[in-house]
């Protein structure tokens, strides 16, 4: 079910018409995916030209450490870490 996924952009780095982005998608109680995107600006808009990803198992001990405040798209861990979980947007 896609509605329980928690996604966030980890980093974006760009120079002129080339960029790289790193994103994380957490599927609670299953896996954590890390996506890498290579982007090029072509005719005025950014295009994904390559995607690579990896995944790891969702930590068994962390299953209850996350809660989501849906209205503000903020993820707060049990340890007080705050992560922005706004959906992906165009560059």
C-alpha atoms as a PDB file:
ATOM      1  CA  UNK A   1       0.000   0.000   0.000  1.00  0.00           C
ATOM      2  CA  UNK A   2       1.594   3.280  -1.112  1.00  0.00           C
ATOM      3  CA  UNK A   3      -0.262   5.489   1.385  1.00  0.00           C
ATOM      4  CA  UNK A   4       1.877   4.336   4.308  1.00  0.00           C
ATOM      5  CA  UNK A   5       5.180   5.265   2.611  1.00  0.00           C
ATOM      6  CA  UNK A   6       7.250   8.069   4.060  1.00  0.00           C
ATOM      7  CA  UNK A   7       9.493   9.852   1.581  1.00  0.00           C
ATOM      8  CA  UNK A   8      12.008  12.643   1.894  1.00  0.00           C
ATOM      9  CA  UNK A   9      14.672  14.283  -0.202  1.00  0.00           C
ATOM     10  CA  UNK A  10      18.069  13.781   1.429  1.00  0.00           C
ATOM     11  CA  UNK A  11      20.140  15.989  -0.865  1.00  0.00           C
ATOM     12  CA  UNK A  12      20.265  17.826  -4.175  1.00  0.00           C
ATOM     13  CA  UNK A  13      23.475  19.004  -5.809  1.00  0.00           C
ATOM     14  CA  UNK A  14      23.596  20.798  -9.136  1.00  0.00           C
ATOM     15  CA  UNK A  15      25.949  22.688 -11.410  1.00  0.00           C
ATOM     16  CA  UNK A  16      24.579  24.534 -14.439  1.00  0.00           C
ATOM     17  CA  UNK A  17      22.445  21.959 -16.300  1.00  0.00           C
ATOM     18  CA  UNK A  18      23.374  18.784 -14.379  1.00  0.00           C
ATOM     19  CA  UNK A  19      22.124  17.591 -10.985  1.00  0.00           C
ATOM     20  CA  UNK A  20      22.094  14.618  -8.658  1.00  0.00           C
ATOM     21  CA  UNK A  21      19.432  13.946  -6.043  1.00  0.00           C
ATOM     22  CA  UNK A  22      19.225  11.424  -3.209  1.00  0.00           C
ATOM     23  CA  UNK A  23      15.887  10.388  -1.727  1.00  0.00           C
ATOM     24  CA  UNK A  24      14.743   7.968   0.957  1.00  0.00           C
ATOM     25  CA  UNK A  25      11.447   6.084   1.022  1.00  0.00           C
ATOM     26  CA  UNK A  26      10.503   4.295   4.235  1.00  0.00           C
ATOM     27  CA  UNK A  27       7.950   1.517   4.035  1.00  0.00           C
ATOM     28  CA  UNK A  28       7.246   0.905   7.737  1.00  0.00           C
ATOM     29  CA  UNK A  29       7.747  -2.647   8.957  1.00  0.00           C
ATOM     30  CA  UNK A  30       9.314  -3.714   5.636  1.00  0.00           C
ATOM     31  CA  UNK A  31      12.165  -1.798   3.931  1.00  0.00           C
ATOM     32  CA  UNK A  32      13.971   1.513   3.581  1.00  0.00           C
ATOM     33  CA  UNK A  33      14.826   2.436  -0.013  1.00  0.00           C
ATOM     34  CA  UNK A  34      17.533   4.893  -1.047  1.00  0.00           C
ATOM     35  CA  UNK A  35      17.135   6.305  -4.563  1.00  0.00           C
ATOM     36  CA  UNK A  36      19.768   8.178  -6.565  1.00  0.00           C
ATOM     37  CA  UNK A  37      18.657  10.319  -9.523  1.00  0.00           C
ATOM     38  CA  UNK A  38      20.847  11.832 -12.235  1.00  0.00           C
ATOM     39  CA  UNK A  39      19.115  14.816 -13.846  1.00  0.00           C
ATOM     40  CA  UNK A  40      19.839  17.031 -16.840  1.00  0.00           C
ATOM     41  CA  UNK A  41      18.180  20.299 -17.757  1.00  0.00           C
ATOM     42  CA  UNK A  42      16.900  19.890 -21.311  1.00  0.00           C
ATOM     43  CA  UNK A  43      15.001  22.583 -23.200  1.00  0.00           C
ATOM     44  CA  UNK A  44      14.295  24.471 -19.996  1.00  0.00           C
ATOM     45  CA  UNK A  45      13.090  21.652 -17.722  1.00  0.00           C
ATOM     46  CA  UNK A  46      14.766  19.030 -15.567  1.00  0.00           C
ATOM     47  CA  UNK A  47      14.633  15.416 -16.766  1.00  0.00           C
ATOM     48  CA  UNK A  48      15.631  12.276 -14.888  1.00  0.00           C
ATOM     49  CA  UNK A  49      18.124  10.476 -17.128  1.00  0.00           C
ATOM     50  CA  UNK A  50      19.153   7.722 -14.718  1.00  0.00           C
ATOM     51  CA  UNK A  51      17.889   6.207 -11.492  1.00  0.00           C
ATOM     52  CA  UNK A  52      19.667   3.771  -9.213  1.00  0.00           C
ATOM     53  CA  UNK A  53      18.447   2.432  -5.890  1.00  0.00           C
ATOM     54  CA  UNK A  54      19.243   0.150  -3.030  1.00  0.00           C
ATOM     55  CA  UNK A  55      17.282  -1.035  -0.008  1.00  0.00           C
ATOM     56  CA  UNK A  56      17.748  -2.358   3.473  1.00  0.00           C
ATOM     57  CA  UNK A  57      15.444  -4.098   5.894  1.00  0.00           C
ATOM     58  CA  UNK A  58      13.386  -1.905   8.194  1.00  0.00           C
ATOM     59  CA  UNK A  59      15.046  -2.187  11.629  1.00  0.00           C
ATOM     60  CA  UNK A  60      13.063  -4.552  13.840  1.00  0.00           C
ATOM     61  CA  UNK A  61      13.814  -2.493  16.952  1.00  0.00           C
ATOM     62  CA  UNK A  62      12.640   0.753  15.279  1.00  0.00           C
ATOM     63  CA  UNK A  63       9.157  -0.358  14.218  1.00  0.00           C
ATOM     64  CA  UNK A  64       7.511   1.813  16.864  1.00  0.00           C
ATOM     65  CA  UNK A  65       9.960   4.716  16.697  1.00  0.00           C
ATOM     66  CA  UNK A  66       8.222   6.654  13.925  1.00  0.00           C
ATOM     67  CA  UNK A  67       5.008   8.615  13.828  1.00  0.00           C
ATOM     68  CA  UNK A  68       3.781  10.958  11.113  1.00  0.00           C
ATOM     69  CA  UNK A  69       1.969  14.244  11.485  1.00  0.00           C
ATOM     70  CA  UNK A  70       0.056  14.071   8.192  1.00  0.00           C
ATOM     71  CA  UNK A  71      -1.171  17.682   8.176  1.00  0.00           C
ATOM     72  CA  UNK A  72       2.308  19.197   8.139  1.00  0.00           C
ATOM     73  CA  UNK A  73       4.220  16.373   6.392  1.00  0.00           C
ATOM     74  CA  UNK A  74       6.729  16.215   9.232  1.00  0.00           C
ATOM     75  CA  UNK A  75       8.144  12.936  10.479  1.00  0.00           C
ATOM     76  CA  UNK A  76       9.070  12.859  14.157  1.00  0.00           C
ATOM     77  CA  UNK A  77      11.008   9.942  15.567  1.00  0.00           C
ATOM     78  CA  UNK A  78      10.631   8.730  19.103  1.00  0.00           C
ATOM     79  CA  UNK A  79      14.076  10.184  19.759  1.00  0.00           C
ATOM     80  CA  UNK A  80      12.938  13.698  18.816  1.00  0.00           C
ATOM     81  CA  UNK A  81      14.543  13.896  15.381  1.00  0.00           C
ATOM     82  CA  UNK A  82      12.442  15.902  12.955  1.00  0.00           C
ATOM     83  CA  UNK A  83      12.564  15.200   9.227  1.00  0.00           C
ATOM     84  CA  UNK A  84      10.668  17.009   6.481  1.00  0.00           C
ATOM     85  CA  UNK A  85       8.664  14.557   4.400  1.00  0.00           C
ATOM     86  CA  UNK A  86       7.278  16.881   1.730  1.00  0.00           C
ATOM     87  CA  UNK A  87       6.557  15.098  -1.549  1.00  0.00           C
ATOM     88  CA  UNK A  88       9.051  15.362  -4.389  1.00  0.00           C
ATOM     89  CA  UNK A  89       8.840  18.527  -6.475  1.00  0.00           C
ATOM     90  CA  UNK A  90      10.252  19.787  -9.734  1.00  0.00           C
ATOM     91  CA  UNK A  91      13.639  21.470  -9.543  1.00  0.00           C
END
